[in-house]
Amino acid sequence: METKGIDVNFLNSLNKNIQNESSNINSIKGFEVISEALVYNIFDIFGRNSLLSMLYQTGSGPGEKIAKRLQEKYNKSEFEIFEALELLLKELKDFYSIQVKEVQEFSDHFKIIIENHCFLRASIKRRKRLKPGKAFCRINKGYFETAFRKLLGDKIKKIEINFLHDDIERDVCVEELVFYPNHL
């Protein structure tokens, strides 16, 4: 490398001062900073509806892929609701810690109340502008709704995942999965 006009001792000192082993790089912190900026820059430029749609679609693509992978793994195109729930959540243990707390059955639908500690939670807690259950969480909404729609096929009319509240003590989001089967 040519160093015209730059003292070699200065370069050596500079490099010594800025040296950082790649093993010391905090990728998660970088992800958090960029994620917060991404969410609020899209909001500022394109508005709330575009932001929510973009984040939902960000989750939807991987939701399709996981559903396809499970269908191929089990050589099955459609699953029963609780079968799909168990297989999907078992497959996702690296990214989610979910506990089913309650199942409520109604005449046209049923709800599964869950406690969810997801891979986004730590980032959301450390960034001032990101909040549990708000815009950034649309990634999970798109992911799960798409995966369940694909796994359940004609057995389901509609699936929704809704944030109910943040349980700070238990460090989880309390959410509901609402399934509208074609017939109960």
Protein backbone atom coordinates (compact mmCIF):
# COMPACT_ATOMS: atom_id res chain seq x y z
CA MET A 1 0.00 0.00 0.00
CA GLU A 2 1.40 3.36 -0.98
CA THR A 3 1.44 6.01 1.74
CA LYS A 4 2.44 9.20 -0.06
CA GLY A 5 2.72 12.03 2.42
CA ILE A 6 1.57 9.88 5.37
CA ASP A 7 4.09 8.97 8.06
CA VAL A 8 4.31 5.18 8.55
CA ASN A 9 4.57 5.66 12.32
CA PHE A 10 1.31 7.64 12.25
CA LEU A 11 -0.42 4.83 10.33
CA ASN A 12 0.91 2.22 12.75
CA SER A 13 -0.33 4.26 15.71
CA LEU A 14 -3.70 4.83 14.05
CA ASN A 15 -4.16 1.15 13.30
CA LYS A 16 -3.15 0.21 16.85
CA ASN A 17 -5.76 2.60 18.27
CA ILE A 18 -8.62 1.40 16.04
CA GLN A 19 -7.79 -2.33 16.10
CA ASN A 20 -10.74 -4.51 17.10
CA GLU A 21 -10.80 -8.27 16.75
CA SER A 22 -13.77 -9.40 14.69
CA SER A 23 -14.80 -11.65 17.59
CA ASN A 24 -15.48 -8.44 19.58
CA ILE A 25 -18.04 -7.08 17.11
CA ASN A 26 -21.47 -6.69 18.70
CA SER A 27 -23.70 -7.68 15.79
CA ILE A 28 -26.86 -7.66 17.90
CA LYS A 29 -26.34 -4.06 18.98
CA GLY A 30 -25.76 -3.09 15.34
CA PHE A 31 -28.94 -4.93 14.35
CA GLU A 32 -30.88 -3.05 17.04
CA VAL A 33 -29.64 0.37 15.94
CA ILE A 34 -30.38 -0.32 12.27
CA SER A 35 -33.78 -1.87 13.04
CA GLU A 36 -34.93 1.14 15.03
CA ALA A 37 -33.70 3.52 12.33
CA LEU A 38 -35.31 1.41 9.59
CA VAL A 39 -38.70 1.37 11.33
CA TYR A 40 -38.81 5.10 11.96
CA ASN A 41 -37.30 6.17 8.63
CA ILE A 42 -39.90 4.13 6.73
CA PHE A 43 -42.60 5.61 8.98
CA ASP A 44 -41.33 9.17 8.39
CA ILE A 45 -40.98 8.74 4.62
CA PHE A 46 -43.87 6.44 3.67
CA GLY A 47 -46.29 6.64 6.60
CA ARG A 48 -47.75 4.19 9.09
CA ASN A 49 -49.71 1.98 6.69
CA SER A 50 -46.75 1.42 4.39
CA LEU A 51 -44.51 0.69 7.37
CA LEU A 52 -46.93 -1.89 8.79
CA SER A 53 -47.38 -3.51 5.39
CA MET A 54 -43.63 -3.70 4.76
CA LEU A 55 -42.92 -5.24 8.16
CA TYR A 56 -45.77 -7.75 7.76
CA GLN A 57 -44.40 -8.79 4.35
CA THR A 58 -40.92 -9.09 5.84
CA GLY A 59 -42.27 -11.81 8.13
CA SER A 60 -44.60 -13.33 5.55
CA GLY A 61 -41.85 -14.56 3.22
CA PRO A 62 -40.05 -16.61 5.87
CA GLY A 63 -43.47 -17.79 7.12
CA GLU A 64 -44.12 -19.32 3.71
CA LYS A 65 -40.70 -20.98 3.71
CA ILE A 66 -41.08 -22.58 7.15
CA ALA A 67 -44.54 -23.89 6.23
CA LYS A 68 -43.21 -25.41 3.01
CA ARG A 69 -40.29 -26.96 4.88
CA LEU A 70 -42.65 -28.54 7.44
CA GLN A 71 -44.98 -29.80 4.70
CA GLU A 72 -42.04 -31.46 2.97
CA LYS A 73 -40.55 -32.79 6.21
CA TYR A 74 -43.81 -34.49 7.21
CA ASN A 75 -44.94 -35.22 3.63
CA LYS A 76 -48.27 -33.55 4.30
CA SER A 77 -49.94 -30.49 2.79
CA GLU A 78 -52.46 -29.76 5.58
CA PHE A 79 -52.29 -30.19 9.32
CA GLU A 80 -54.78 -30.00 12.18
CA ILE A 81 -54.61 -26.76 14.16
CA PHE A 82 -52.89 -28.09 17.30
CA GLU A 83 -50.65 -30.32 15.22
CA ALA A 84 -49.52 -27.29 13.18
CA LEU A 85 -49.05 -25.27 16.37
CA GLU A 86 -46.88 -27.94 17.97
CA LEU A 87 -44.77 -28.65 14.87
CA LEU A 88 -44.21 -24.98 14.06
CA LEU A 89 -43.28 -23.95 17.60
CA LYS A 90 -41.08 -27.00 18.06
CA GLU A 91 -39.23 -26.07 14.86
CA LEU A 92 -38.75 -22.48 16.04
CA LYS A 93 -37.25 -23.07 19.50
CA ASP A 94 -34.09 -21.19 18.51
CA PHE A 95 -36.13 -17.98 18.00
CA TYR A 96 -39.13 -18.23 20.33
CA SER A 97 -39.97 -19.38 23.83
CA ILE A 98 -43.75 -19.80 23.80
CA GLN A 99 -46.09 -21.26 26.37
CA VAL A 100 -49.79 -21.92 25.75
CA LYS A 101 -51.69 -20.53 28.74
CA GLU A 102 -55.33 -20.99 27.76
CA VAL A 103 -57.62 -22.23 25.01
CA GLN A 104 -61.03 -20.60 24.62
CA GLU A 105 -63.65 -22.11 22.31
CA PHE A 106 -66.49 -20.09 20.81
CA SER A 107 -69.21 -21.01 18.31
CA ASP A 108 -67.30 -19.76 15.24
CA HIS A 109 -63.68 -19.55 16.41
CA PHE A 110 -61.29 -20.30 19.19
CA LYS A 111 -58.44 -18.46 20.83
CA ILE A 112 -55.16 -19.71 22.13
CA ILE A 113 -53.63 -17.35 24.67
CA ILE A 114 -49.84 -17.56 24.66
CA GLU A 115 -46.87 -16.06 26.42
CA ASN A 116 -44.22 -15.25 23.85
CA HIS A 117 -40.59 -14.32 24.41
CA CYS A 118 -39.38 -13.86 20.84
CA PHE A 119 -36.04 -13.10 19.24
CA LEU A 120 -37.05 -9.43 18.79
CA ARG A 121 -37.85 -8.84 22.47
CA ALA A 122 -34.34 -8.03 23.72
CA SER A 123 -33.80 -5.57 20.87
CA ILE A 124 -37.15 -3.92 21.50
CA LYS A 125 -36.38 -3.53 25.21
CA ARG A 126 -33.01 -1.85 24.54
CA ARG A 127 -34.21 0.67 21.94
CA LYS A 128 -36.26 3.64 23.19
CA ARG A 129 -38.52 3.97 20.17
CA LEU A 130 -39.32 0.27 19.70
CA LYS A 131 -42.17 -1.00 21.88
CA PRO A 132 -43.60 -4.48 22.49
CA GLY A 133 -46.69 -5.13 20.39
CA LYS A 134 -46.11 -2.15 18.11
CA ALA A 135 -44.87 -1.75 14.53
CA PHE A 136 -41.69 -3.88 14.68
CA CYS A 137 -43.74 -6.84 15.95
CA ARG A 138 -45.62 -6.92 12.64
CA ILE A 139 -42.74 -9.09 11.42
CA ASN A 140 -43.89 -11.86 13.79
CA LYS A 141 -47.54 -11.27 12.89
CA GLY A 142 -46.77 -11.74 9.19
CA TYR A 143 -44.60 -14.76 9.94
CA PHE A 144 -47.07 -16.69 12.07
CA GLU A 145 -50.26 -15.79 10.21
CA THR A 146 -48.70 -16.81 6.89
CA ALA A 147 -47.17 -20.01 8.25
CA PHE A 148 -50.45 -21.09 9.84
CA ARG A 149 -52.48 -20.23 6.71
CA LYS A 150 -50.15 -22.40 4.63
CA LEU A 151 -50.05 -25.26 7.15
CA LEU A 152 -53.81 -25.33 7.72
CA GLY A 153 -54.95 -24.81 4.11
CA ASP A 154 -58.69 -25.29 3.63
CA LYS A 155 -59.25 -26.13 7.29
CA ILE A 156 -59.07 -22.46 8.19
CA LYS A 157 -60.96 -19.36 7.01
CA LYS A 158 -58.82 -16.90 8.90
CA ILE A 159 -56.01 -16.75 11.47
CA GLU A 160 -54.92 -13.71 13.47
CA ILE A 161 -52.24 -13.14 16.05
CA ASN A 162 -52.94 -10.18 18.31
CA PHE A 163 -50.87 -8.53 21.01
CA LEU A 164 -52.78 -8.29 24.30
CA HIS A 165 -50.20 -6.83 26.69
CA ASP A 166 -46.58 -6.80 27.76
CA ASP A 167 -45.86 -8.75 30.95
CA ILE A 168 -42.68 -7.10 32.16
CA GLU A 169 -42.33 -9.34 35.24
CA ARG A 170 -42.42 -12.55 33.18
CA ASP A 171 -40.50 -10.90 30.30
CA VAL A 172 -43.08 -11.99 27.70
CA CYS A 173 -45.72 -10.60 25.43
CA VAL A 174 -49.17 -12.03 26.08
CA GLU A 175 -50.82 -12.66 22.72
CA GLU A 176 -53.79 -14.45 21.28
CA LEU A 177 -53.91 -16.72 18.28
CA VAL A 178 -57.44 -16.56 16.88
CA PHE A 179 -58.43 -19.36 14.53
CA TYR A 180 -61.59 -19.23 12.42
CA PRO A 181 -61.97 -22.80 11.16
CA ASN A 182 -64.15 -23.63 8.17
CA HIS A 183 -66.12 -25.77 10.63
CA LEU A 184 -65.69 -26.50 14.32
